[in-house]
């Protein structure tokens, strides 16, 4: 009886091993499709599409390198390009006949000055992360119309990760009189939370309370008001002349609209904490598209 049982188990085990070996020898099947298991119907993931044809000629390629044109780089949006060129992003869409301003391609060349405009050209230079030993730009020392305050709080100063690095715009010398701007502080008596840093913080971070008035630092025109630029939250950009822009970021409420003219000291927003970790105003002055230290331009206090 024992022999019969042993024989039966031997036959069963041999059959199992043969089945396993047969399965291993069968052709390998591809992985199961990945499915989205969120709410609603399932969707099979689509395989990555092949890269675009590198030989394809992108719109405006014939104007690459010409004065008044900008070549789109990775990460660019029309709003970001508007900040860098001092233009309203809606104007950029119109000048370039963009049916959908949200669709621009890396390598595409855009007009960034009006057709027939005599405005100084703005040529964009690709930028890489500056090294720790990179010298401060000479343009700041040569052009700052006001001396820095006698002392700025430095103990609390710290780099601000939310202020993204942006491309640098090289332009011809400023027009006569463009530097003659009597700036004011955008927040009255605000403590300086973080000072200008050529590498990490492209402006000043000013403290305050939620809802505190944010003022226009000089007369200008609103070229952007919205929340479409990552890292800036609710943002206002003012164009003061062909040389200077100012940016006011992280606001709780925006009180002006694009293309609106504003006066120095006018309340344009209320301080907030959008896209950042605390209530503050991130304030930039850009000279010919390049961020400069606002402390060299604002009056001492």
C-alpha atoms as a PDB file:
ATOM      1  CA  UNK A   1       0.000   0.000   0.000  1.00  0.00           C
ATOM      2  CA  UNK A   2       2.833   2.334   0.882  1.00  0.00           C
ATOM      3  CA  UNK A   3       4.497   1.707  -2.476  1.00  0.00           C
ATOM      4  CA  UNK A   4       1.302   2.588  -4.354  1.00  0.00           C
ATOM      5  CA  UNK A   5       1.021   5.897  -2.492  1.00  0.00           C
ATOM      6  CA  UNK A   6       4.663   6.731  -3.130  1.00  0.00           C
ATOM      7  CA  UNK A   7       4.233   5.930  -6.781  1.00  0.00           C
ATOM      8  CA  UNK A   8       1.142   8.126  -7.009  1.00  0.00           C
ATOM      9  CA  UNK A   9       2.899  11.123  -5.394  1.00  0.00           C
ATOM     10  CA  UNK A  10       5.911  10.616  -7.699  1.00  0.00           C
ATOM     11  CA  UNK A  11       3.705  10.699 -10.791  1.00  0.00           C
ATOM     12  CA  UNK A  12       1.856  13.830  -9.559  1.00  0.00           C
ATOM     13  CA  UNK A  13       5.121  15.628  -8.780  1.00  0.00           C
ATOM     14  CA  UNK A  14       6.594  14.721 -12.162  1.00  0.00           C
ATOM     15  CA  UNK A  15       3.477  16.033 -13.919  1.00  0.00           C
ATOM     16  CA  UNK A  16       3.692  19.321 -11.990  1.00  0.00           C
ATOM     17  CA  UNK A  17       7.363  19.810 -12.867  1.00  0.00           C
ATOM     18  CA  UNK A  18       6.656  19.136 -16.543  1.00  0.00           C
ATOM     19  CA  UNK A  19       3.852  21.746 -16.505  1.00  0.00           C
ATOM     20  CA  UNK A  20       6.133  24.344 -14.907  1.00  0.00           C
ATOM     21  CA  UNK A  21       8.933  23.681 -17.379  1.00  0.00           C
ATOM     22  CA  UNK A  22       6.490  23.913 -20.272  1.00  0.00           C
ATOM     23  CA  UNK A  23       5.292  27.281 -18.999  1.00  0.00           C
ATOM     24  CA  UNK A  24       8.858  28.614 -18.723  1.00  0.00           C
ATOM     25  CA  UNK A  25       9.571  27.557 -22.277  1.00  0.00           C
ATOM     26  CA  UNK A  26       6.545  29.388 -23.695  1.00  0.00           C
ATOM     27  CA  UNK A  27       7.040  32.800 -25.366  1.00  0.00           C
ATOM     28  CA  UNK A  28       7.320  35.736 -22.913  1.00  0.00           C
ATOM     29  CA  UNK A  29       4.282  37.979 -22.860  1.00  0.00           C
ATOM     30  CA  UNK A  30       4.550  41.751 -22.749  1.00  0.00           C
ATOM     31  CA  UNK A  31       3.633  43.696 -19.610  1.00  0.00           C
ATOM     32  CA  UNK A  32       0.011  44.382 -18.921  1.00  0.00           C
ATOM     33  CA  UNK A  33      -1.160  47.884 -19.916  1.00  0.00           C
ATOM     34  CA  UNK A  34      -1.006  50.519 -17.184  1.00  0.00           C
ATOM     35  CA  UNK A  35      -4.429  51.793 -16.245  1.00  0.00           C
ATOM     36  CA  UNK A  36      -5.626  54.927 -14.522  1.00  0.00           C
ATOM     37  CA  UNK A  37      -7.617  53.660 -11.546  1.00  0.00           C
ATOM     38  CA  UNK A  38      -8.969  57.039 -10.508  1.00  0.00           C
ATOM     39  CA  UNK A  39     -12.607  58.062 -10.559  1.00  0.00           C
ATOM     40  CA  UNK A  40     -14.551  57.314 -13.704  1.00  0.00           C
ATOM     41  CA  UNK A  41     -13.700  54.968 -16.516  1.00  0.00           C
ATOM     42  CA  UNK A  42     -10.316  53.298 -16.864  1.00  0.00           C
ATOM     43  CA  UNK A  43      -7.892  54.640 -19.421  1.00  0.00           C
ATOM     44  CA  UNK A  44      -5.048  52.645 -20.848  1.00  0.00           C
ATOM     45  CA  UNK A  45      -1.802  54.622 -20.782  1.00  0.00           C
ATOM     46  CA  UNK A  46      -0.585  55.713 -24.197  1.00  0.00           C
ATOM     47  CA  UNK A  47       2.983  54.865 -25.162  1.00  0.00           C
ATOM     48  CA  UNK A  48       5.315  57.877 -25.546  1.00  0.00           C
ATOM     49  CA  UNK A  49       5.157  59.406 -28.991  1.00  0.00           C
ATOM     50  CA  UNK A  50       8.309  59.660 -31.082  1.00  0.00           C
ATOM     51  CA  UNK A  51      10.221  62.925 -30.840  1.00  0.00           C
ATOM     52  CA  UNK A  52       9.365  65.715 -33.241  1.00  0.00           C
ATOM     53  CA  UNK A  53      11.189  65.748 -36.528  1.00  0.00           C
ATOM     54  CA  UNK A  54      14.376  67.774 -35.907  1.00  0.00           C
ATOM     55  CA  UNK A  55      14.427  68.789 -39.549  1.00  0.00           C
ATOM     56  CA  UNK A  56      11.084  70.584 -39.268  1.00  0.00           C
ATOM     57  CA  UNK A  57      11.357  74.351 -39.652  1.00  0.00           C
ATOM     58  CA  UNK A  58       9.736  76.095 -36.684  1.00  0.00           C
ATOM     59  CA  UNK A  59       7.676  79.278 -37.025  1.00  0.00           C
ATOM     60  CA  UNK A  60       9.797  82.415 -37.297  1.00  0.00           C
ATOM     61  CA  UNK A  61      13.069  80.511 -37.667  1.00  0.00           C
ATOM     62  CA  UNK A  62      14.164  82.895 -40.420  1.00  0.00           C
ATOM     63  CA  UNK A  63      14.267  85.693 -37.812  1.00  0.00           C
ATOM     64  CA  UNK A  64      16.474  83.910 -35.283  1.00  0.00           C
ATOM     65  CA  UNK A  65      19.143  86.266 -33.954  1.00  0.00           C
ATOM     66  CA  UNK A  66      17.597  89.399 -35.433  1.00  0.00           C
ATOM     67  CA  UNK A  67      16.949  92.482 -33.272  1.00  0.00           C
ATOM     68  CA  UNK A  68      13.504  92.477 -31.697  1.00  0.00           C
ATOM     69  CA  UNK A  69      13.048  88.684 -31.781  1.00  0.00           C
ATOM     70  CA  UNK A  70      13.147  86.020 -29.066  1.00  0.00           C
ATOM     71  CA  UNK A  71      13.891  82.307 -29.448  1.00  0.00           C
ATOM     72  CA  UNK A  72      11.721  80.184 -27.159  1.00  0.00           C
ATOM     73  CA  UNK A  73      13.594  77.970 -24.697  1.00  0.00           C
ATOM     74  CA  UNK A  74      12.451  75.083 -22.430  1.00  0.00           C
ATOM     75  CA  UNK A  75      10.170  76.277 -19.639  1.00  0.00           C
ATOM     76  CA  UNK A  76       9.152  79.505 -21.394  1.00  0.00           C
ATOM     77  CA  UNK A  77       5.592  80.749 -21.393  1.00  0.00           C
ATOM     78  CA  UNK A  78       4.231  83.837 -23.098  1.00  0.00           C
ATOM     79  CA  UNK A  79       3.814  85.485 -19.692  1.00  0.00           C
ATOM     80  CA  UNK A  80       7.456  84.813 -18.771  1.00  0.00           C
ATOM     81  CA  UNK A  81       8.625  86.174 -22.124  1.00  0.00           C
ATOM     82  CA  UNK A  82       6.469  89.245 -21.517  1.00  0.00           C
ATOM     83  CA  UNK A  83       8.240  89.826 -18.195  1.00  0.00           C
ATOM     84  CA  UNK A  84      11.621  89.521 -19.846  1.00  0.00           C
ATOM     85  CA  UNK A  85      10.810  91.854 -22.719  1.00  0.00           C
ATOM     86  CA  UNK A  86       8.611  94.376 -20.909  1.00  0.00           C
ATOM     87  CA  UNK A  87       5.601  93.622 -23.076  1.00  0.00           C
ATOM     88  CA  UNK A  88       2.010  92.620 -22.503  1.00  0.00           C
ATOM     89  CA  UNK A  89       1.670  88.909 -23.246  1.00  0.00           C
ATOM     90  CA  UNK A  90      -1.524  89.675 -25.179  1.00  0.00           C
ATOM     91  CA  UNK A  91       0.455  91.979 -27.469  1.00  0.00           C
ATOM     92  CA  UNK A  92       3.006  89.229 -28.039  1.00  0.00           C
ATOM     93  CA  UNK A  93       0.213  86.869 -29.076  1.00  0.00           C
ATOM     94  CA  UNK A  94      -1.173  89.449 -31.492  1.00  0.00           C
ATOM     95  CA  UNK A  95       2.180  90.418 -33.035  1.00  0.00           C
ATOM     96  CA  UNK A  96       2.935  86.731 -33.686  1.00  0.00           C
ATOM     97  CA  UNK A  97      -0.582  85.725 -34.847  1.00  0.00           C
ATOM     98  CA  UNK A  98      -0.827  83.035 -32.162  1.00  0.00           C
ATOM     99  CA  UNK A  99      -4.271  81.439 -32.289  1.00  0.00           C
ATOM    100  CA  UNK A 100      -3.549  79.707 -28.964  1.00  0.00           C
ATOM    101  CA  UNK A 101      -1.055  81.710 -26.873  1.00  0.00           C
ATOM    102  CA  UNK A 102      -0.580  78.690 -24.583  1.00  0.00           C
ATOM    103  CA  UNK A 103       1.014  76.718 -27.417  1.00  0.00           C
ATOM    104  CA  UNK A 104       4.557  77.819 -28.189  1.00  0.00           C
ATOM    105  CA  UNK A 105       7.415  75.513 -29.118  1.00  0.00           C
ATOM    106  CA  UNK A 106      11.020  75.376 -28.035  1.00  0.00           C
ATOM    107  CA  UNK A 107      13.047  76.902 -30.880  1.00  0.00           C
ATOM    108  CA  UNK A 108      10.147  78.988 -32.179  1.00  0.00           C
ATOM    109  CA  UNK A 109      11.131  82.617 -32.821  1.00  0.00           C
ATOM    110  CA  UNK A 110       8.765  85.337 -31.631  1.00  0.00           C
ATOM    111  CA  UNK A 111       8.600  89.053 -32.381  1.00  0.00           C
ATOM    112  CA  UNK A 112       8.850  90.942 -29.082  1.00  0.00           C
ATOM    113  CA  UNK A 113       8.531  94.537 -30.344  1.00  0.00           C
ATOM    114  CA  UNK A 114       5.693  95.991 -32.423  1.00  0.00           C
ATOM    115  CA  UNK A 115       5.966  95.817 -36.205  1.00  0.00           C
ATOM    116  CA  UNK A 116       7.867  98.859 -37.430  1.00  0.00           C
ATOM    117  CA  UNK A 117       8.739  99.879 -33.859  1.00  0.00           C
ATOM    118  CA  UNK A 118      11.881 101.865 -33.206  1.00  0.00           C
ATOM    119  CA  UNK A 119      12.008 100.591 -29.629  1.00  0.00           C
ATOM    120  CA  UNK A 120      15.489  99.273 -28.718  1.00  0.00           C
ATOM    121  CA  UNK A 121      15.869  95.624 -29.593  1.00  0.00           C
ATOM    122  CA  UNK A 122      15.981  92.988 -26.906  1.00  0.00           C
ATOM    123  CA  UNK A 123      18.228  90.066 -27.709  1.00  0.00           C
ATOM    124  CA  UNK A 124      17.971  87.102 -25.349  1.00  0.00           C
ATOM    125  CA  UNK A 125      21.127  85.406 -24.134  1.00  0.00           C
ATOM    126  CA  UNK A 126      20.836  81.807 -22.854  1.00  0.00           C
ATOM    127  CA  UNK A 127      21.587  81.721 -19.136  1.00  0.00           C
ATOM    128  CA  UNK A 128      23.016  79.019 -16.905  1.00  0.00           C
ATOM    129  CA  UNK A 129      23.124  78.879 -13.146  1.00  0.00           C
ATOM    130  CA  UNK A 130      25.782  81.395 -12.056  1.00  0.00           C
ATOM    131  CA  UNK A 131      28.742  80.178 -10.066  1.00  0.00           C
ATOM    132  CA  UNK A 132      29.440  81.348  -6.549  1.00  0.00           C
ATOM    133  CA  UNK A 133      32.373  83.418  -7.820  1.00  0.00           C
ATOM    134  CA  UNK A 134      30.385  85.184 -10.531  1.00  0.00           C
ATOM    135  CA  UNK A 135      31.008  88.957 -10.283  1.00  0.00           C
ATOM    136  CA  UNK A 136      28.150  91.387  -9.840  1.00  0.00           C
ATOM    137  CA  UNK A 137      27.142  93.078 -13.113  1.00  0.00           C
ATOM    138  CA  UNK A 138      28.828  96.397 -13.719  1.00  0.00           C
ATOM    139  CA  UNK A 139      25.550  97.892 -14.985  1.00  0.00           C
ATOM    140  CA  UNK A 140      24.156  97.945 -11.464  1.00  0.00           C
ATOM    141  CA  UNK A 141      26.996 100.005 -10.014  1.00  0.00           C
ATOM    142  CA  UNK A 142      27.075 102.341 -12.976  1.00  0.00           C
ATOM    143  CA  UNK A 143      23.377 103.034 -13.195  1.00  0.00           C
ATOM    144  CA  UNK A 144      21.963 102.985  -9.666  1.00  0.00           C
ATOM    145  CA  UNK A 145      20.519 106.468  -9.164  1.00  0.00           C
ATOM    146  CA  UNK A 146      20.254 106.164  -5.400  1.00  0.00           C
ATOM    147  CA  UNK A 147      22.671 104.911  -2.783  1.00  0.00           C
ATOM    148  CA  UNK A 148      21.762 101.889  -0.669  1.00  0.00           C
ATOM    149  CA  UNK A 149      20.239 102.471   2.764  1.00  0.00           C
ATOM    150  CA  UNK A 150      22.789 102.870   5.556  1.00  0.00           C
ATOM    151  CA  UNK A 151      21.899  99.444   6.882  1.00  0.00           C
ATOM    152  CA  UNK A 152      19.502  96.690   5.908  1.00  0.00           C
ATOM    153  CA  UNK A 153      18.459  93.904   8.265  1.00  0.00           C
ATOM    154  CA  UNK A 154      20.744  91.003   7.465  1.00  0.00           C
ATOM    155  CA  UNK A 155      20.202  88.595  10.345  1.00  0.00           C
ATOM    156  CA  UNK A 156      16.929  87.376   8.885  1.00  0.00           C
ATOM    157  CA  UNK A 157      18.087  87.526   5.287  1.00  0.00           C
ATOM    158  CA  UNK A 158      17.920  84.160   3.590  1.00  0.00           C
ATOM    159  CA  UNK A 159      17.783  82.821   0.037  1.00  0.00           C
ATOM    160  CA  UNK A 160      14.260  82.468  -1.310  1.00  0.00           C
ATOM    161  CA  UNK A 161      13.566  79.350  -3.314  1.00  0.00           C
ATOM    162  CA  UNK A 162      10.293  80.687  -4.713  1.00  0.00           C
ATOM    163  CA  UNK A 163      11.976  83.393  -6.809  1.00  0.00           C
ATOM    164  CA  UNK A 164      12.844  81.505  -9.999  1.00  0.00           C
ATOM    165  CA  UNK A 165      15.810  82.348 -12.163  1.00  0.00           C
ATOM    166  CA  UNK A 166      14.844  83.932 -15.463  1.00  0.00           C
ATOM    167  CA  UNK A 167      16.668  84.646 -18.718  1.00  0.00           C
ATOM    168  CA  UNK A 168      18.827  87.738 -19.045  1.00  0.00           C
ATOM    169  CA  UNK A 169      18.004  90.411 -21.641  1.00  0.00           C
ATOM    170  CA  UNK A 170      20.848  92.337 -23.263  1.00  0.00           C
ATOM    171  CA  UNK A 171      19.751  95.694 -24.691  1.00  0.00           C
ATOM    172  CA  UNK A 172      21.371  98.869 -26.009  1.00  0.00           C
ATOM    173  CA  UNK A 173      22.065 101.692 -23.537  1.00  0.00           C
ATOM    174  CA  UNK A 174      19.043 103.205 -21.822  1.00  0.00           C
ATOM    175  CA  UNK A 175      17.314 106.171 -23.393  1.00  0.00           C
ATOM    176  CA  UNK A 176      18.199 109.586 -21.909  1.00  0.00           C
ATOM    177  CA  UNK A 177      16.051 110.302 -18.878  1.00  0.00           C
ATOM    178  CA  UNK A 178      14.969 106.686 -18.320  1.00  0.00           C
ATOM    179  CA  UNK A 179      17.057 106.501 -15.139  1.00  0.00           C
ATOM    180  CA  UNK A 180      15.412 109.618 -13.694  1.00  0.00           C
ATOM    181  CA  UNK A 181      12.754 107.803 -11.678  1.00  0.00           C
ATOM    182  CA  UNK A 182      11.957 108.827  -8.101  1.00  0.00           C
ATOM    183  CA  UNK A 183      11.175 105.418  -6.610  1.00  0.00           C
ATOM    184  CA  UNK A 184       9.243 104.752  -3.397  1.00  0.00           C
ATOM    185  CA  UNK A 185       9.021 101.618  -1.267  1.00  0.00           C
ATOM    186  CA  UNK A 186       6.080  99.422  -2.343  1.00  0.00           C
ATOM    187  CA  UNK A 187       5.165  98.648   1.278  1.00  0.00           C
ATOM    188  CA  UNK A 188       5.439 101.378   3.894  1.00  0.00           C
ATOM    189  CA  UNK A 189       7.878 100.592   6.728  1.00  0.00           C
ATOM    190  CA  UNK A 190       8.136  96.929   5.735  1.00  0.00           C
ATOM    191  CA  UNK A 191      10.951  94.886   7.285  1.00  0.00           C
ATOM    192  CA  UNK A 192      13.352  93.296   4.806  1.00  0.00           C
ATOM    193  CA  UNK A 193      13.030  89.524   5.171  1.00  0.00           C
ATOM    194  CA  UNK A 194      15.534  88.660   2.455  1.00  0.00           C
ATOM    195  CA  UNK A 195      17.854  90.895   0.509  1.00  0.00           C
ATOM    196  CA  UNK A 196      18.856  90.803  -3.148  1.00  0.00           C
ATOM    197  CA  UNK A 197      21.108  87.908  -4.109  1.00  0.00           C
ATOM    198  CA  UNK A 198      22.521  87.665  -7.614  1.00  0.00           C
ATOM    199  CA  UNK A 199      22.185  83.879  -7.533  1.00  0.00           C
ATOM    200  CA  UNK A 200      19.138  83.042  -5.418  1.00  0.00           C
ATOM    201  CA  UNK A 201      16.853  86.018  -4.842  1.00  0.00           C
ATOM    202  CA  UNK A 202      16.209  88.416  -7.713  1.00  0.00           C
ATOM    203  CA  UNK A 203      14.676  91.148  -5.554  1.00  0.00           C
ATOM    204  CA  UNK A 204      13.703  92.038  -1.982  1.00  0.00           C
ATOM    205  CA  UNK A 205      11.292  90.115   0.220  1.00  0.00           C
ATOM    206  CA  UNK A 206       9.337  92.526   2.393  1.00  0.00           C
ATOM    207  CA  UNK A 207       7.316  91.501   5.442  1.00  0.00           C
ATOM    208  CA  UNK A 208       3.878  92.656   6.469  1.00  0.00           C
ATOM    209  CA  UNK A 209       0.354  91.561   7.268  1.00  0.00           C
ATOM    210  CA  UNK A 210      -2.193  89.912   4.991  1.00  0.00           C
ATOM    211  CA  UNK A 211      -4.223  92.618   3.283  1.00  0.00           C
ATOM    212  CA  UNK A 212      -1.623  95.359   3.801  1.00  0.00           C
ATOM    213  CA  UNK A 213      -1.501  97.800   0.845  1.00  0.00           C
ATOM    214  CA  UNK A 214       1.012  97.193  -1.944  1.00  0.00           C
ATOM    215  CA  UNK A 215       1.876 100.450  -3.729  1.00  0.00           C
ATOM    216  CA  UNK A 216       3.207 101.197  -7.210  1.00  0.00           C
ATOM    217  CA  UNK A 217       6.876 102.136  -6.782  1.00  0.00           C
ATOM    218  CA  UNK A 218       6.627 104.654  -9.660  1.00  0.00           C
ATOM    219  CA  UNK A 219       4.268 105.751 -12.435  1.00  0.00           C
ATOM    220  CA  UNK A 220       3.731 103.015 -14.973  1.00  0.00           C
ATOM    221  CA  UNK A 221       1.451 100.757 -17.000  1.00  0.00           C
ATOM    222  CA  UNK A 222       0.260  97.304 -16.000  1.00  0.00           C
ATOM    223  CA  UNK A 223       1.648  94.772 -18.476  1.00  0.00           C
ATOM    224  CA  UNK A 224       0.614  91.716 -16.464  1.00  0.00           C
ATOM    225  CA  UNK A 225      -1.823  90.985 -13.638  1.00  0.00           C
ATOM    226  CA  UNK A 226      -2.558  87.357 -12.830  1.00  0.00           C
ATOM    227  CA  UNK A 227      -1.242  84.068 -11.453  1.00  0.00           C
ATOM    228  CA  UNK A 228       0.188  82.424 -14.560  1.00  0.00           C
ATOM    229  CA  UNK A 229       3.893  82.556 -13.674  1.00  0.00           C
ATOM    230  CA  UNK A 230       4.963  79.712 -11.430  1.00  0.00           C
ATOM    231  CA  UNK A 231       6.748  80.746  -8.241  1.00  0.00           C
ATOM    232  CA  UNK A 232       5.274  84.251  -8.130  1.00  0.00           C
ATOM    233  CA  UNK A 233       1.684  83.632  -7.049  1.00  0.00           C
ATOM    234  CA  UNK A 234      -0.662  86.542  -7.748  1.00  0.00           C
ATOM    235  CA  UNK A 235       1.654  88.831  -9.671  1.00  0.00           C
ATOM    236  CA  UNK A 236       1.617  92.373 -11.045  1.00  0.00           C
ATOM    237  CA  UNK A 237       4.218  93.654 -13.507  1.00  0.00           C
ATOM    238  CA  UNK A 238       4.504  97.383 -14.211  1.00  0.00           C
ATOM    239  CA  UNK A 239       6.378  98.898 -17.129  1.00  0.00           C
ATOM    240  CA  UNK A 240       7.740 102.346 -16.261  1.00  0.00           C
ATOM    241  CA  UNK A 241       9.611 103.154 -19.487  1.00  0.00           C
ATOM    242  CA  UNK A 242      11.725 101.341 -22.079  1.00  0.00           C
ATOM    243  CA  UNK A 243      14.319 100.586 -19.396  1.00  0.00           C
ATOM    244  CA  UNK A 244      12.543  99.650 -16.170  1.00  0.00           C
ATOM    245  CA  UNK A 245       9.979  97.096 -15.009  1.00  0.00           C
ATOM    246  CA  UNK A 246       8.876  96.300 -11.478  1.00  0.00           C
ATOM    247  CA  UNK A 247       7.303  93.046 -10.272  1.00  0.00           C
ATOM    248  CA  UNK A 248       5.091  92.555  -7.189  1.00  0.00           C
ATOM    249  CA  UNK A 249       4.556  88.894  -6.239  1.00  0.00           C
ATOM    250  CA  UNK A 250       2.582  86.701  -3.779  1.00  0.00           C
ATOM    251  CA  UNK A 251      -0.325  89.134  -3.420  1.00  0.00           C
ATOM    252  CA  UNK A 252      -3.614  88.193  -1.783  1.00  0.00           C
ATOM    253  CA  UNK A 253      -5.701  90.458  -4.018  1.00  0.00           C
ATOM    254  CA  UNK A 254      -4.943  92.271  -7.294  1.00  0.00           C
ATOM    255  CA  UNK A 255      -6.588  95.679  -7.678  1.00  0.00           C
ATOM    256  CA  UNK A 256      -5.490  96.665 -11.202  1.00  0.00           C
ATOM    257  CA  UNK A 257      -5.938  95.240 -14.692  1.00  0.00           C
ATOM    258  CA  UNK A 258      -3.665  94.826 -17.682  1.00  0.00           C
ATOM    259  CA  UNK A 259      -3.059  97.975 -19.763  1.00  0.00           C
ATOM    260  CA  UNK A 260      -4.169 100.183 -16.873  1.00  0.00           C
ATOM    261  CA  UNK A 261      -2.027 103.254 -16.128  1.00  0.00           C
ATOM    262  CA  UNK A 262      -1.106 103.697 -12.472  1.00  0.00           C
ATOM    263  CA  UNK A 263       0.449 106.517 -10.450  1.00  0.00           C
ATOM    264  CA  UNK A 264       3.313 106.297  -7.993  1.00  0.00           C
ATOM    265  CA  UNK A 265       1.955 105.411  -4.558  1.00  0.00           C
ATOM    266  CA  UNK A 266      -1.323 104.046  -5.912  1.00  0.00           C
ATOM    267  CA  UNK A 267      -2.595 100.917  -4.137  1.00  0.00           C
ATOM    268  CA  UNK A 268      -2.333  98.137  -6.722  1.00  0.00           C
ATOM    269  CA  UNK A 269      -2.681  95.013  -4.576  1.00  0.00           C
ATOM    270  CA  UNK A 270      -2.992  93.622  -1.066  1.00  0.00           C
ATOM    271  CA  UNK A 271      -0.172  91.644   0.477  1.00  0.00           C
ATOM    272  CA  UNK A 272      -0.646  87.891   0.745  1.00  0.00           C
ATOM    273  CA  UNK A 273       1.035  84.492   0.714  1.00  0.00           C
ATOM    274  CA  UNK A 274       0.155  82.979  -2.684  1.00  0.00           C
ATOM    275  CA  UNK A 275       2.724  80.450  -3.915  1.00  0.00           C
ATOM    276  CA  UNK A 276       4.965  80.981  -0.877  1.00  0.00           C
ATOM    277  CA  UNK A 277       5.318  79.948   2.763  1.00  0.00           C
ATOM    278  CA  UNK A 278       4.378  83.196   4.547  1.00  0.00           C
ATOM    279  CA  UNK A 279       2.832  86.618   4.040  1.00  0.00           C
ATOM    280  CA  UNK A 280       5.321  88.789   2.151  1.00  0.00           C
ATOM    281  CA  UNK A 281       5.864  90.862  -0.950  1.00  0.00           C
ATOM    282  CA  UNK A 282       8.573  89.757  -3.355  1.00  0.00           C
ATOM    283  CA  UNK A 283       9.579  92.976  -5.152  1.00  0.00           C
ATOM    284  CA  UNK A 284      11.846  93.177  -8.200  1.00  0.00           C
ATOM    285  CA  UNK A 285      13.269  96.022 -10.238  1.00  0.00           C
ATOM    286  CA  UNK A 286      14.448  94.988 -13.685  1.00  0.00           C
ATOM    287  CA  UNK A 287      16.703  97.265 -15.693  1.00  0.00           C
ATOM    288  CA  UNK A 288      16.631  96.379 -19.398  1.00  0.00           C
ATOM    289  CA  UNK A 289      15.208  93.004 -18.359  1.00  0.00           C
ATOM    290  CA  UNK A 290      17.986  92.204 -15.883  1.00  0.00           C
ATOM    291  CA  UNK A 291      17.158  91.964 -12.151  1.00  0.00           C
ATOM    292  CA  UNK A 292      19.011  94.603 -10.109  1.00  0.00           C
ATOM    293  CA  UNK A 293      19.202  95.275  -6.372  1.00  0.00           C
ATOM    294  CA  UNK A 294      16.170  97.389  -5.426  1.00  0.00           C
ATOM    295  CA  UNK A 295      18.040  98.684  -2.364  1.00  0.00           C
ATOM    296  CA  UNK A 296      20.268 100.702  -4.707  1.00  0.00           C
ATOM    297  CA  UNK A 297      17.244 102.476  -6.182  1.00  0.00           C
ATOM    298  CA  UNK A 298      14.813 102.875  -3.286  1.00  0.00           C
ATOM    299  CA  UNK A 299      15.228 105.856  -0.951  1.00  0.00           C
ATOM    300  CA  UNK A 300      16.972 105.406   2.390  1.00  0.00           C
ATOM    301  CA  UNK A 301      14.714 105.112   5.403  1.00  0.00           C
END
